[in-house]
Amino acid sequence: MPALVQSIKRLAFKVIANTAIAVYSRFPIFGDLRAAVAVLRHNGLILVIDRNDGRGLSFPGGLTHPGESAERSMRRELREETGLEAEQARLLFEYRSTSDVPCVVTVFEVTANGTLTGSWEGTPRWLSVSEVKSKILSSQAEIVRRISV
């Protein structure tokens, strides 16, 4: 039964995520959304989420709630998507993307602790930058480009 529940959750995430992106990319009624993501490194690898919506890889993170700071959003999303708690966070940069939906993305370099676990959104994986480059969401390719130099 738990495998069935997990399959249903993954399917629900796929439907919800793809529908939301399709609608908002055509009708961005609230303007630019705000998102915050975490860059975690370990032994030459970076932590990414192998997304259950079939869109590829992304950095742990997500949309910022109204009134929520970028750092608080990143910490919340990191915990939800990976089970990890951010210990230290350092602002790296911010950029604007329109490749999925109009969005301003705030990027943090993070150290974290805890036990790595997945969520309905996907499975966390430690990969090299070269493995990530061709599979990262187009809206996050800028992050890979900037952290690779």
Foldseek 3Di string as FASTA:
>chain_A
DVVVVLVVLLVVLLVVVVVVLVVCLVPVPVAAFEKEFEWEDDPQWTKWFQFSNPQFIEGQITTDDVPGDNVVRHQVSCCQAWVKGWDDWDWDDWDFDSPRHTYIYTYIYTDTDDHTDGHSGGHMDIGHLVVRQVGYHPRCNVVSVVVVD
